[in-house]
Amino acid sequence: MLGLSLSVLLLAAGPLRPVNTYSIVARDPATGQLGVAVQSHWFSVGAMVPWAEAGVGAVATQSFVDPSYGPLGLAVMKAGRTAPEALAALLAADSGREVRQVGMVDAKGNVATHTGKLDIPAAGGQAGHQYVVQANLMEKPTVWPAMARAYEAARGDLAERLLAALDAAQAEGGDIRGRQSAAILVVKATSSGRPWADKIFDLRVEDDPEPLQELRRLVGVQRAYNHMSTGDDCVAVKDWACAEREYGTAEAMQPDNAEMAFWHAVALASNGRLDAARPLFKRAFDADRRWRELVTRLPAVEQLPKDAKLLEQILAIR
């Protein structure tokens, strides 16, 4: 039944696009996070190659890409199959398997990678401890071994290690045609039942002369906004000390971001620390006068204390 279903779905995948690229798929043994990172000389590589689901696994599907390998691979792993079993099932049902390149990891760290005989050289892949790397249409066959070495040597969280692997691939020559787009997807170790809340990083650079540089910049911004989101959760329960801490962390990570300065100031003022909030309010007000108008709207929706004197003091900041 599974084989028949996969055959039907793969045949129905429609016209295939030659997304030649390099990627890494991994599970962080320390946190259980699952992730994929990819770079290609092809527009919007992140729309087709990377797939991941918290508590299930991650997939990179590339070369003459069949995007259905992503959702189908996750569905098979979710049904209890390991990554090698899931990949074998999909390949068995696919008459175009020799032009595919796929990497998979499941929530227990089992990995599998496949490089078809008709992938454009240099093409290949290799498996390591809870990760796989794969590449095709590379300048030289040393690209994916360089990715593996960089990933194993890197420090930091899963996102940082995935980026290190991409950087190493590019330093080794990367795609023989150059570079254009990149993406990273990292999800939590266990599912909350809300897939949108399980994504730690879900970032794409669709078209850029230096996609890896831009992707790394976006990861830095996302790290700060992750703290902003936690701060929002603290505000929802009126834990202003927590909000101050989280917004403050975000603001320190992105000191030129007026939004982060503003909400950090709001948390400080709400926590009785107006003097500390003044320079942050000023920074936001100087960036755009409309932040000052926004202040007046916050007390009515319980985002600032309903304190006329406090509001007057904030609006007097110049």
C-alpha atoms as a PDB file:
ATOM      1  CA  MET A   1       0.000   0.000   0.000  1.00  0.00           C
ATOM      2  CA  LEU A   2       2.780   2.421   0.945  1.00  0.00           C
ATOM      3  CA  GLY A   3       4.730   1.648  -2.234  1.00  0.00           C
ATOM      4  CA  LEU A   4       1.657   2.137  -4.434  1.00  0.00           C
ATOM      5  CA  SER A   5       0.777   5.423  -2.758  1.00  0.00           C
ATOM      6  CA  LEU A   6       4.305   6.747  -3.142  1.00  0.00           C
ATOM      7  CA  SER A   7       4.406   5.733  -6.806  1.00  0.00           C
ATOM      8  CA  VAL A   8       1.196   7.581  -7.557  1.00  0.00           C
ATOM      9  CA  LEU A   9       2.301  10.702  -5.699  1.00  0.00           C
ATOM     10  CA  LEU A  10       5.756  10.781  -7.257  1.00  0.00           C
ATOM     11  CA  LEU A  11       4.347  10.333 -10.751  1.00  0.00           C
ATOM     12  CA  ALA A  12       1.944  13.201 -10.061  1.00  0.00           C
ATOM     13  CA  ALA A  13       4.745  15.530  -9.034  1.00  0.00           C
ATOM     14  CA  GLY A  14       4.676  17.308 -12.407  1.00  0.00           C
ATOM     15  CA  PRO A  15       7.532  18.908 -14.352  1.00  0.00           C
ATOM     16  CA  LEU A  16      10.874  18.789 -12.566  1.00  0.00           C
ATOM     17  CA  ARG A  17      13.314  21.657 -12.185  1.00  0.00           C
ATOM     18  CA  PRO A  18      17.113  21.220 -12.247  1.00  0.00           C
ATOM     19  CA  VAL A  19      18.005  22.635  -8.849  1.00  0.00           C
ATOM     20  CA  ASN A  20      21.688  21.756  -8.639  1.00  0.00           C
ATOM     21  CA  THR A  21      23.172  22.646  -5.303  1.00  0.00           C
ATOM     22  CA  TYR A  22      24.871  21.659  -2.048  1.00  0.00           C
ATOM     23  CA  SER A  23      23.131  20.999   1.254  1.00  0.00           C
ATOM     24  CA  ILE A  24      23.472  19.618   4.758  1.00  0.00           C
ATOM     25  CA  VAL A  25      20.783  17.871   6.809  1.00  0.00           C
ATOM     26  CA  ALA A  26      21.418  17.296  10.507  1.00  0.00           C
ATOM     27  CA  ARG A  27      20.137  16.548  13.990  1.00  0.00           C
ATOM     28  CA  ASP A  28      21.862  18.238  16.928  1.00  0.00           C
ATOM     29  CA  PRO A  29      22.651  15.459  19.423  1.00  0.00           C
ATOM     30  CA  ALA A  30      22.683  17.938  22.311  1.00  0.00           C
ATOM     31  CA  THR A  31      19.299  19.583  21.707  1.00  0.00           C
ATOM     32  CA  GLY A  32      17.523  17.262  19.299  1.00  0.00           C
ATOM     33  CA  GLN A  33      16.905  20.152  16.913  1.00  0.00           C
ATOM     34  CA  LEU A  34      16.581  19.199  13.240  1.00  0.00           C
ATOM     35  CA  GLY A  35      17.763  21.326  10.359  1.00  0.00           C
ATOM     36  CA  VAL A  36      18.615  21.799   6.698  1.00  0.00           C
ATOM     37  CA  ALA A  37      20.803  24.400   5.031  1.00  0.00           C
ATOM     38  CA  VAL A  38      21.335  24.833   1.307  1.00  0.00           C
ATOM     39  CA  GLN A  39      22.946  27.072  -1.319  1.00  0.00           C
ATOM     40  CA  SER A  40      22.565  27.038  -5.095  1.00  0.00           C
ATOM     41  CA  HIS A  41      23.033  28.954  -8.316  1.00  0.00           C
ATOM     42  CA  TRP A  42      19.276  28.801  -8.829  1.00  0.00           C
ATOM     43  CA  PHE A  43      16.541  31.252  -7.930  1.00  0.00           C
ATOM     44  CA  SER A  44      14.665  30.620  -4.653  1.00  0.00           C
ATOM     45  CA  VAL A  45      16.287  27.340  -3.691  1.00  0.00           C
ATOM     46  CA  GLY A  46      14.547  27.487  -0.314  1.00  0.00           C
ATOM     47  CA  ALA A  47      11.139  26.996  -1.903  1.00  0.00           C
ATOM     48  CA  MET A  48      11.905  23.406  -2.937  1.00  0.00           C
ATOM     49  CA  VAL A  49      14.943  21.854  -1.260  1.00  0.00           C
ATOM     50  CA  PRO A  50      14.631  22.126   2.577  1.00  0.00           C
ATOM     51  CA  TRP A  51      11.912  20.367   4.596  1.00  0.00           C
ATOM     52  CA  ALA A  52      11.707  19.655   8.331  1.00  0.00           C
ATOM     53  CA  GLU A  53       9.152  18.839  10.999  1.00  0.00           C
ATOM     54  CA  ALA A  54       9.737  18.924  14.750  1.00  0.00           C
ATOM     55  CA  GLY A  55       9.863  15.476  16.292  1.00  0.00           C
ATOM     56  CA  VAL A  56       9.940  13.828  12.856  1.00  0.00           C
ATOM     57  CA  GLY A  57      12.958  14.618  10.701  1.00  0.00           C
ATOM     58  CA  ALA A  58      14.471  16.764   7.980  1.00  0.00           C
ATOM     59  CA  VAL A  59      14.924  16.349   4.239  1.00  0.00           C
ATOM     60  CA  ALA A  60      16.908  18.010   1.455  1.00  0.00           C
ATOM     61  CA  THR A  61      15.699  17.124  -2.063  1.00  0.00           C
ATOM     62  CA  GLN A  62      17.783  18.447  -4.952  1.00  0.00           C
ATOM     63  CA  SER A  63      19.501  17.870  -8.327  1.00  0.00           C
ATOM     64  CA  PHE A  64      16.632  17.338 -10.829  1.00  0.00           C
ATOM     65  CA  VAL A  65      14.482  18.004  -7.832  1.00  0.00           C
ATOM     66  CA  ASP A  66      11.219  16.317  -6.998  1.00  0.00           C
ATOM     67  CA  PRO A  67       9.837  18.493  -4.196  1.00  0.00           C
ATOM     68  CA  SER A  68       7.427  15.726  -3.126  1.00  0.00           C
ATOM     69  CA  TYR A  69      10.382  13.903  -1.541  1.00  0.00           C
ATOM     70  CA  GLY A  70      10.141  16.511   1.243  1.00  0.00           C
ATOM     71  CA  PRO A  71       6.563  16.045   2.469  1.00  0.00           C
ATOM     72  CA  LEU A  72       6.491  12.362   1.548  1.00  0.00           C
ATOM     73  CA  GLY A  73       9.764  11.659   3.336  1.00  0.00           C
ATOM     74  CA  LEU A  74       8.480  13.386   6.450  1.00  0.00           C
ATOM     75  CA  ALA A  75       5.178  11.504   6.233  1.00  0.00           C
ATOM     76  CA  VAL A  76       6.949   8.143   6.021  1.00  0.00           C
ATOM     77  CA  MET A  77       9.223   8.987   8.965  1.00  0.00           C
ATOM     78  CA  LYS A  78       6.222  10.220  10.941  1.00  0.00           C
ATOM     79  CA  ALA A  79       4.616   6.829  10.322  1.00  0.00           C
ATOM     80  CA  GLY A  80       7.523   5.214  12.175  1.00  0.00           C
ATOM     81  CA  ARG A  81      10.102   4.445   9.482  1.00  0.00           C
ATOM     82  CA  THR A  82      13.739   5.433   9.888  1.00  0.00           C
ATOM     83  CA  ALA A  83      15.390   7.881   7.523  1.00  0.00           C
ATOM     84  CA  PRO A  84      17.110   5.072   5.544  1.00  0.00           C
ATOM     85  CA  GLU A  85      13.807   3.204   5.266  1.00  0.00           C
ATOM     86  CA  ALA A  86      11.949   6.327   4.175  1.00  0.00           C
ATOM     87  CA  LEU A  87      14.505   7.204   1.531  1.00  0.00           C
ATOM     88  CA  ALA A  88      14.597   3.638   0.213  1.00  0.00           C
ATOM     89  CA  ALA A  89      10.810   3.612  -0.103  1.00  0.00           C
ATOM     90  CA  LEU A  90      10.735   6.856  -2.061  1.00  0.00           C
ATOM     91  CA  LEU A  91      13.557   5.830  -4.366  1.00  0.00           C
ATOM     92  CA  ALA A  92      11.934   2.466  -5.073  1.00  0.00           C
ATOM     93  CA  ALA A  93       8.775   4.245  -6.205  1.00  0.00           C
ATOM     94  CA  ASP A  94      10.578   6.794  -8.402  1.00  0.00           C
ATOM     95  CA  SER A  95      11.551   5.967 -11.977  1.00  0.00           C
ATOM     96  CA  GLY A  96      13.659   9.141 -12.007  1.00  0.00           C
ATOM     97  CA  ARG A  97      15.780   8.110  -9.033  1.00  0.00           C
ATOM     98  CA  GLU A  98      19.043   8.350 -10.978  1.00  0.00           C
ATOM     99  CA  VAL A  99      18.706  12.125 -11.418  1.00  0.00           C
ATOM    100  CA  ARG A 100      17.793  12.725  -7.781  1.00  0.00           C
ATOM    101  CA  GLN A 101      19.937  13.716  -4.859  1.00  0.00           C
ATOM    102  CA  VAL A 102      18.428  13.488  -1.380  1.00  0.00           C
ATOM    103  CA  GLY A 103      19.531  13.714   2.252  1.00  0.00           C
ATOM    104  CA  MET A 104      17.413  12.696   5.258  1.00  0.00           C
ATOM    105  CA  VAL A 105      17.689  12.527   9.030  1.00  0.00           C
ATOM    106  CA  ASP A 106      15.052  11.305  11.460  1.00  0.00           C
ATOM    107  CA  ALA A 107      14.300  12.401  15.015  1.00  0.00           C
ATOM    108  CA  LYS A 108      16.554   9.670  16.431  1.00  0.00           C
ATOM    109  CA  GLY A 109      19.525  10.732  14.350  1.00  0.00           C
ATOM    110  CA  ASN A 110      19.431   8.004  11.693  1.00  0.00           C
ATOM    111  CA  VAL A 111      20.627   9.397   8.369  1.00  0.00           C
ATOM    112  CA  ALA A 112      20.542   8.530   4.681  1.00  0.00           C
ATOM    113  CA  THR A 113      21.838  10.140   1.504  1.00  0.00           C
ATOM    114  CA  HIS A 114      21.431   9.276  -2.170  1.00  0.00           C
ATOM    115  CA  THR A 115      23.232  10.542  -5.259  1.00  0.00           C
ATOM    116  CA  GLY A 116      21.852   9.292  -8.563  1.00  0.00           C
ATOM    117  CA  LYS A 117      24.177   8.041 -11.313  1.00  0.00           C
ATOM    118  CA  LEU A 118      22.940  10.758 -13.657  1.00  0.00           C
ATOM    119  CA  ASP A 119      23.462  13.715 -11.322  1.00  0.00           C
ATOM    120  CA  ILE A 120      25.738  16.291 -12.950  1.00  0.00           C
ATOM    121  CA  PRO A 121      29.320  15.966 -11.670  1.00  0.00           C
ATOM    122  CA  ALA A 122      31.046  16.661  -9.504  1.00  0.00           C
ATOM    123  CA  ALA A 123      28.352  14.996  -7.418  1.00  0.00           C
ATOM    124  CA  GLY A 124      28.362  12.966  -4.233  1.00  0.00           C
ATOM    125  CA  GLY A 125      27.562  12.838  -0.562  1.00  0.00           C
ATOM    126  CA  GLN A 126      28.626  11.341   2.713  1.00  0.00           C
ATOM    127  CA  ALA A 127      27.174  10.560   6.125  1.00  0.00           C
ATOM    128  CA  GLY A 128      28.508  11.480   9.529  1.00  0.00           C
ATOM    129  CA  HIS A 129      27.191  11.298  13.090  1.00  0.00           C
ATOM    130  CA  GLN A 130      23.555  12.422  12.795  1.00  0.00           C
ATOM    131  CA  TYR A 131      24.180  14.436   9.623  1.00  0.00           C
ATOM    132  CA  VAL A 132      24.607  14.023   5.864  1.00  0.00           C
ATOM    133  CA  VAL A 133      26.048  16.321   3.223  1.00  0.00           C
ATOM    134  CA  GLN A 134      25.416  16.133  -0.509  1.00  0.00           C
ATOM    135  CA  ALA A 135      26.279  18.212  -3.563  1.00  0.00           C
ATOM    136  CA  ASN A 136      26.064  18.142  -7.322  1.00  0.00           C
ATOM    137  CA  LEU A 137      27.328  20.275 -10.208  1.00  0.00           C
ATOM    138  CA  MET A 138      30.260  21.269  -8.031  1.00  0.00           C
ATOM    139  CA  GLU A 139      33.512  22.731  -9.266  1.00  0.00           C
ATOM    140  CA  LYS A 140      35.381  19.800  -7.704  1.00  0.00           C
ATOM    141  CA  PRO A 141      34.680  16.641  -5.671  1.00  0.00           C
ATOM    142  CA  THR A 142      36.240  18.017  -2.498  1.00  0.00           C
ATOM    143  CA  VAL A 143      33.217  20.203  -1.719  1.00  0.00           C
ATOM    144  CA  TRP A 144      31.119  17.790   0.334  1.00  0.00           C
ATOM    145  CA  PRO A 145      34.071  16.410   2.340  1.00  0.00           C
ATOM    146  CA  ALA A 146      34.936  20.020   3.222  1.00  0.00           C
ATOM    147  CA  MET A 147      31.343  20.539   4.402  1.00  0.00           C
ATOM    148  CA  ALA A 148      31.568  17.497   6.649  1.00  0.00           C
ATOM    149  CA  ARG A 149      34.847  18.624   8.205  1.00  0.00           C
ATOM    150  CA  ALA A 150      33.540  22.131   8.824  1.00  0.00           C
ATOM    151  CA  TYR A 151      30.311  20.916  10.405  1.00  0.00           C
ATOM    152  CA  GLU A 152      32.147  18.575  12.752  1.00  0.00           C
ATOM    153  CA  ALA A 153      34.670  21.246  13.765  1.00  0.00           C
ATOM    154  CA  ALA A 154      32.165  24.090  14.221  1.00  0.00           C
ATOM    155  CA  ARG A 155      30.923  25.294  17.594  1.00  0.00           C
ATOM    156  CA  GLY A 156      27.647  26.921  18.534  1.00  0.00           C
ATOM    157  CA  ASP A 157      24.044  25.910  17.998  1.00  0.00           C
ATOM    158  CA  LEU A 158      22.768  23.867  15.066  1.00  0.00           C
ATOM    159  CA  ALA A 159      22.141  26.911  12.877  1.00  0.00           C
ATOM    160  CA  GLU A 160      25.704  28.136  13.341  1.00  0.00           C
ATOM    161  CA  ARG A 161      27.142  24.729  12.478  1.00  0.00           C
ATOM    162  CA  LEU A 162      24.963  24.423   9.375  1.00  0.00           C
ATOM    163  CA  LEU A 163      26.144  27.826   8.188  1.00  0.00           C
ATOM    164  CA  ALA A 164      29.749  26.771   8.760  1.00  0.00           C
ATOM    165  CA  ALA A 165      29.211  23.824   6.421  1.00  0.00           C
ATOM    166  CA  LEU A 166      27.799  26.077   3.700  1.00  0.00           C
ATOM    167  CA  ASP A 167      30.690  28.514   4.054  1.00  0.00           C
ATOM    168  CA  ALA A 168      33.169  25.650   3.725  1.00  0.00           C
ATOM    169  CA  ALA A 169      31.492  24.432   0.536  1.00  0.00           C
ATOM    170  CA  GLN A 170      31.734  27.865  -1.031  1.00  0.00           C
ATOM    171  CA  ALA A 171      35.356  28.263   0.067  1.00  0.00           C
ATOM    172  CA  GLU A 172      36.120  24.957  -1.663  1.00  0.00           C
ATOM    173  CA  GLY A 173      34.708  26.218  -4.958  1.00  0.00           C
ATOM    174  CA  GLY A 174      31.009  25.473  -4.560  1.00  0.00           C
ATOM    175  CA  ASP A 175      28.666  25.328  -7.533  1.00  0.00           C
ATOM    176  CA  ILE A 176      30.605  25.509 -10.795  1.00  0.00           C
ATOM    177  CA  ARG A 177      28.141  28.176 -12.031  1.00  0.00           C
ATOM    178  CA  GLY A 178      28.484  30.447  -8.987  1.00  0.00           C
ATOM    179  CA  ARG A 179      25.921  31.355  -6.350  1.00  0.00           C
ATOM    180  CA  GLN A 180      22.464  32.907  -6.205  1.00  0.00           C
ATOM    181  CA  SER A 181      20.183  31.755  -3.378  1.00  0.00           C
ATOM    182  CA  ALA A 182      20.375  30.065   0.009  1.00  0.00           C
ATOM    183  CA  ALA A 183      18.113  28.924   2.831  1.00  0.00           C
ATOM    184  CA  ILE A 184      18.110  27.508   6.337  1.00  0.00           C
ATOM    185  CA  LEU A 185      15.357  25.690   8.222  1.00  0.00           C
ATOM    186  CA  VAL A 186      15.738  24.597  11.858  1.00  0.00           C
ATOM    187  CA  VAL A 187      12.938  23.139  13.976  1.00  0.00           C
ATOM    188  CA  LYS A 188      12.611  22.130  17.601  1.00  0.00           C
ATOM    189  CA  ALA A 189      13.282  18.630  18.875  1.00  0.00           C
ATOM    190  CA  THR A 190       9.679  17.844  19.781  1.00  0.00           C
ATOM    191  CA  SER A 191       6.420  18.911  18.252  1.00  0.00           C
ATOM    192  CA  SER A 192       4.103  21.308  20.049  1.00  0.00           C
ATOM    193  CA  GLY A 193       1.260  20.407  17.722  1.00  0.00           C
ATOM    194  CA  ARG A 194       1.654  23.883  16.200  1.00  0.00           C
ATOM    195  CA  PRO A 195       4.117  23.576  13.304  1.00  0.00           C
ATOM    196  CA  TRP A 196       4.445  27.346  12.914  1.00  0.00           C
ATOM    197  CA  ALA A 197       5.617  27.612  16.528  1.00  0.00           C
ATOM    198  CA  ASP A 198       8.195  24.849  16.142  1.00  0.00           C
ATOM    199  CA  LYS A 199      10.348  26.707  13.609  1.00  0.00           C
ATOM    200  CA  ILE A 200      13.413  28.323  15.148  1.00  0.00           C
ATOM    201  CA  PHE A 201      14.824  29.512  11.819  1.00  0.00           C
ATOM    202  CA  ASP A 202      13.008  29.528   8.480  1.00  0.00           C
ATOM    203  CA  LEU A 203      14.933  31.925   6.279  1.00  0.00           C
ATOM    204  CA  ARG A 204      15.498  32.316   2.551  1.00  0.00           C
ATOM    205  CA  VAL A 205      17.695  34.463   0.378  1.00  0.00           C
ATOM    206  CA  GLU A 206      15.978  34.263  -2.984  1.00  0.00           C
ATOM    207  CA  ASP A 207      18.419  36.146  -5.228  1.00  0.00           C
ATOM    208  CA  ASP A 208      21.621  37.806  -4.064  1.00  0.00           C
ATOM    209  CA  PRO A 209      25.220  38.093  -5.319  1.00  0.00           C
ATOM    210  CA  GLU A 210      26.418  36.939  -1.872  1.00  0.00           C
ATOM    211  CA  PRO A 211      23.615  34.687  -0.580  1.00  0.00           C
ATOM    212  CA  LEU A 212      25.588  33.112   2.257  1.00  0.00           C
ATOM    213  CA  GLN A 213      26.582  36.488   3.678  1.00  0.00           C
ATOM    214  CA  GLU A 214      22.975  37.635   3.534  1.00  0.00           C
ATOM    215  CA  LEU A 215      21.719  34.378   5.054  1.00  0.00           C
ATOM    216  CA  ARG A 216      24.110  34.736   7.981  1.00  0.00           C
ATOM    217  CA  ARG A 217      22.925  38.327   8.503  1.00  0.00           C
ATOM    218  CA  LEU A 218      19.302  37.177   8.529  1.00  0.00           C
ATOM    219  CA  VAL A 219      20.095  34.440  11.040  1.00  0.00           C
ATOM    220  CA  GLY A 220      21.490  37.125  13.332  1.00  0.00           C
ATOM    221  CA  VAL A 221      18.332  39.201  12.963  1.00  0.00           C
ATOM    222  CA  GLN A 222      16.174  36.133  13.580  1.00  0.00           C
ATOM    223  CA  ARG A 223      18.065  35.344  16.776  1.00  0.00           C
ATOM    224  CA  ALA A 224      17.138  38.791  18.065  1.00  0.00           C
ATOM    225  CA  TYR A 225      13.504  38.478  16.996  1.00  0.00           C
ATOM    226  CA  ASN A 226      13.282  35.119  18.748  1.00  0.00           C
ATOM    227  CA  HIS A 227      13.998  37.044  21.952  1.00  0.00           C
ATOM    228  CA  MET A 228      11.404  39.624  20.923  1.00  0.00           C
ATOM    229  CA  SER A 229       8.822  36.858  20.582  1.00  0.00           C
ATOM    230  CA  THR A 230       9.650  35.580  24.049  1.00  0.00           C
ATOM    231  CA  GLY A 231       9.324  39.137  25.318  1.00  0.00           C
ATOM    232  CA  ASP A 232       5.872  39.353  23.746  1.00  0.00           C
ATOM    233  CA  ASP A 233       4.894  36.205  25.635  1.00  0.00           C
ATOM    234  CA  CYS A 234       6.089  37.829  28.858  1.00  0.00           C
ATOM    235  CA  VAL A 235       4.006  40.945  28.144  1.00  0.00           C
ATOM    236  CA  ALA A 236       0.937  38.771  27.628  1.00  0.00           C
ATOM    237  CA  VAL A 237       1.154  37.639  31.263  1.00  0.00           C
ATOM    238  CA  LYS A 238       2.306  41.077  32.492  1.00  0.00           C
ATOM    239  CA  ASP A 239       5.715  39.762  33.526  1.00  0.00           C
ATOM    240  CA  TRP A 240       7.508  43.034  32.878  1.00  0.00           C
ATOM    241  CA  ALA A 241      10.827  41.907  34.335  1.00  0.00           C
ATOM    242  CA  CYS A 242      10.904  39.029  31.878  1.00  0.00           C
ATOM    243  CA  ALA A 243       9.852  41.326  29.025  1.00  0.00           C
ATOM    244  CA  GLU A 244      12.575  43.788  29.945  1.00  0.00           C
ATOM    245  CA  ARG A 245      15.173  41.022  29.922  1.00  0.00           C
ATOM    246  CA  GLU A 246      14.110  39.509  26.594  1.00  0.00           C
ATOM    247  CA  TYR A 247      13.575  42.791  24.770  1.00  0.00           C
ATOM    248  CA  GLY A 248      16.862  44.040  26.188  1.00  0.00           C
ATOM    249  CA  THR A 249      18.698  41.007  24.849  1.00  0.00           C
ATOM    250  CA  ALA A 250      17.162  41.536  21.423  1.00  0.00           C
ATOM    251  CA  GLU A 251      17.969  45.255  21.438  1.00  0.00           C
ATOM    252  CA  ALA A 252      21.595  44.566  22.383  1.00  0.00           C
ATOM    253  CA  MET A 253      21.883  42.122  19.482  1.00  0.00           C
ATOM    254  CA  GLN A 254      20.420  44.619  16.974  1.00  0.00           C
ATOM    255  CA  PRO A 255      21.271  48.076  18.380  1.00  0.00           C
ATOM    256  CA  ASP A 256      20.282  49.897  15.182  1.00  0.00           C
ATOM    257  CA  ASN A 257      16.778  48.421  15.120  1.00  0.00           C
ATOM    258  CA  ALA A 258      14.283  51.107  16.244  1.00  0.00           C
ATOM    259  CA  GLU A 259      11.526  48.578  16.893  1.00  0.00           C
ATOM    260  CA  MET A 260      13.631  46.634  19.362  1.00  0.00           C
ATOM    261  CA  ALA A 261      14.698  49.839  21.105  1.00  0.00           C
ATOM    262  CA  PHE A 262      11.060  50.933  21.361  1.00  0.00           C
ATOM    263  CA  TRP A 263       9.671  47.747  22.900  1.00  0.00           C
ATOM    264  CA  HIS A 264      12.625  47.447  25.245  1.00  0.00           C
ATOM    265  CA  ALA A 265      11.828  51.007  26.380  1.00  0.00           C
ATOM    266  CA  VAL A 266       8.156  50.121  26.847  1.00  0.00           C
ATOM    267  CA  ALA A 267       9.093  47.153  29.036  1.00  0.00           C
ATOM    268  CA  LEU A 268      11.468  49.285  31.102  1.00  0.00           C
ATOM    269  CA  ALA A 269       8.906  52.051  31.589  1.00  0.00           C
ATOM    270  CA  SER A 270       6.202  49.539  32.492  1.00  0.00           C
ATOM    271  CA  ASN A 271       8.569  48.040  35.058  1.00  0.00           C
ATOM    272  CA  GLY A 272       9.108  51.411  36.749  1.00  0.00           C
ATOM    273  CA  ARG A 273      12.443  52.180  35.087  1.00  0.00           C
ATOM    274  CA  LEU A 274      11.680  55.240  33.008  1.00  0.00           C
ATOM    275  CA  ASP A 275      15.169  56.729  33.355  1.00  0.00           C
ATOM    276  CA  ALA A 276      16.677  53.635  31.731  1.00  0.00           C
ATOM    277  CA  ALA A 277      13.981  53.761  29.049  1.00  0.00           C
ATOM    278  CA  ARG A 278      14.545  57.394  28.035  1.00  0.00           C
ATOM    279  CA  PRO A 279      17.515  56.919  25.661  1.00  0.00           C
ATOM    280  CA  LEU A 280      15.758  53.996  23.979  1.00  0.00           C
ATOM    281  CA  PHE A 281      12.546  55.949  23.463  1.00  0.00           C
ATOM    282  CA  LYS A 282      14.621  58.802  22.067  1.00  0.00           C
ATOM    283  CA  ARG A 283      16.351  56.473  19.636  1.00  0.00           C
ATOM    284  CA  ALA A 284      12.998  55.238  18.341  1.00  0.00           C
ATOM    285  CA  PHE A 285      11.461  58.716  18.216  1.00  0.00           C
ATOM    286  CA  ASP A 286      14.473  60.065  16.312  1.00  0.00           C
ATOM    287  CA  ALA A 287      14.212  57.218  13.794  1.00  0.00           C
ATOM    288  CA  ASP A 288      10.546  57.904  13.049  1.00  0.00           C
ATOM    289  CA  ARG A 289       8.187  60.387  14.716  1.00  0.00           C
ATOM    290  CA  ARG A 290       5.319  57.888  14.452  1.00  0.00           C
ATOM    291  CA  TRP A 291       6.736  55.839  17.324  1.00  0.00           C
ATOM    292  CA  ARG A 292       5.743  58.791  19.522  1.00  0.00           C
ATOM    293  CA  GLU A 293       2.151  58.518  18.282  1.00  0.00           C
ATOM    294  CA  LEU A 294       2.191  54.790  18.945  1.00  0.00           C
ATOM    295  CA  VAL A 295       2.987  55.438  22.609  1.00  0.00           C
ATOM    296  CA  THR A 296      -0.351  57.216  23.046  1.00  0.00           C
ATOM    297  CA  ARG A 297      -2.241  54.145  21.835  1.00  0.00           C
ATOM    298  CA  LEU A 298      -0.652  51.619  24.178  1.00  0.00           C
ATOM    299  CA  PRO A 299      -2.290  52.302  27.589  1.00  0.00           C
ATOM    300  CA  ALA A 300      -5.790  51.639  26.245  1.00  0.00           C
ATOM    301  CA  VAL A 301      -4.754  48.137  25.158  1.00  0.00           C
ATOM    302  CA  GLU A 302      -2.750  47.379  28.324  1.00  0.00           C
ATOM    303  CA  GLN A 303       0.648  47.577  26.641  1.00  0.00           C
ATOM    304  CA  LEU A 304       1.636  50.471  28.940  1.00  0.00           C
ATOM    305  CA  PRO A 305       0.306  51.322  32.422  1.00  0.00           C
ATOM    306  CA  LYS A 306      -2.724  53.620  32.415  1.00  0.00           C
ATOM    307  CA  ASP A 307      -0.740  56.362  34.069  1.00  0.00           C
ATOM    308  CA  ALA A 308      -1.250  59.863  32.648  1.00  0.00           C
ATOM    309  CA  LYS A 309       1.907  61.201  34.292  1.00  0.00           C
ATOM    310  CA  LEU A 310       4.028  58.382  32.864  1.00  0.00           C
ATOM    311  CA  LEU A 311       2.589  58.967  29.409  1.00  0.00           C
ATOM    312  CA  GLU A 312       3.309  62.686  29.663  1.00  0.00           C
ATOM    313  CA  GLN A 313       6.902  62.012  30.707  1.00  0.00           C
ATOM    314  CA  ILE A 314       7.481  59.657  27.794  1.00  0.00           C
ATOM    315  CA  LEU A 315       6.025  62.077  25.265  1.00  0.00           C
ATOM    316  CA  ALA A 316       8.242  64.842  26.654  1.00  0.00           C
ATOM    317  CA  ILE A 317      11.398  62.939  25.731  1.00  0.00           C
ATOM    318  CA  ARG A 318      13.397  64.864  23.129  1.00  0.00           C
END
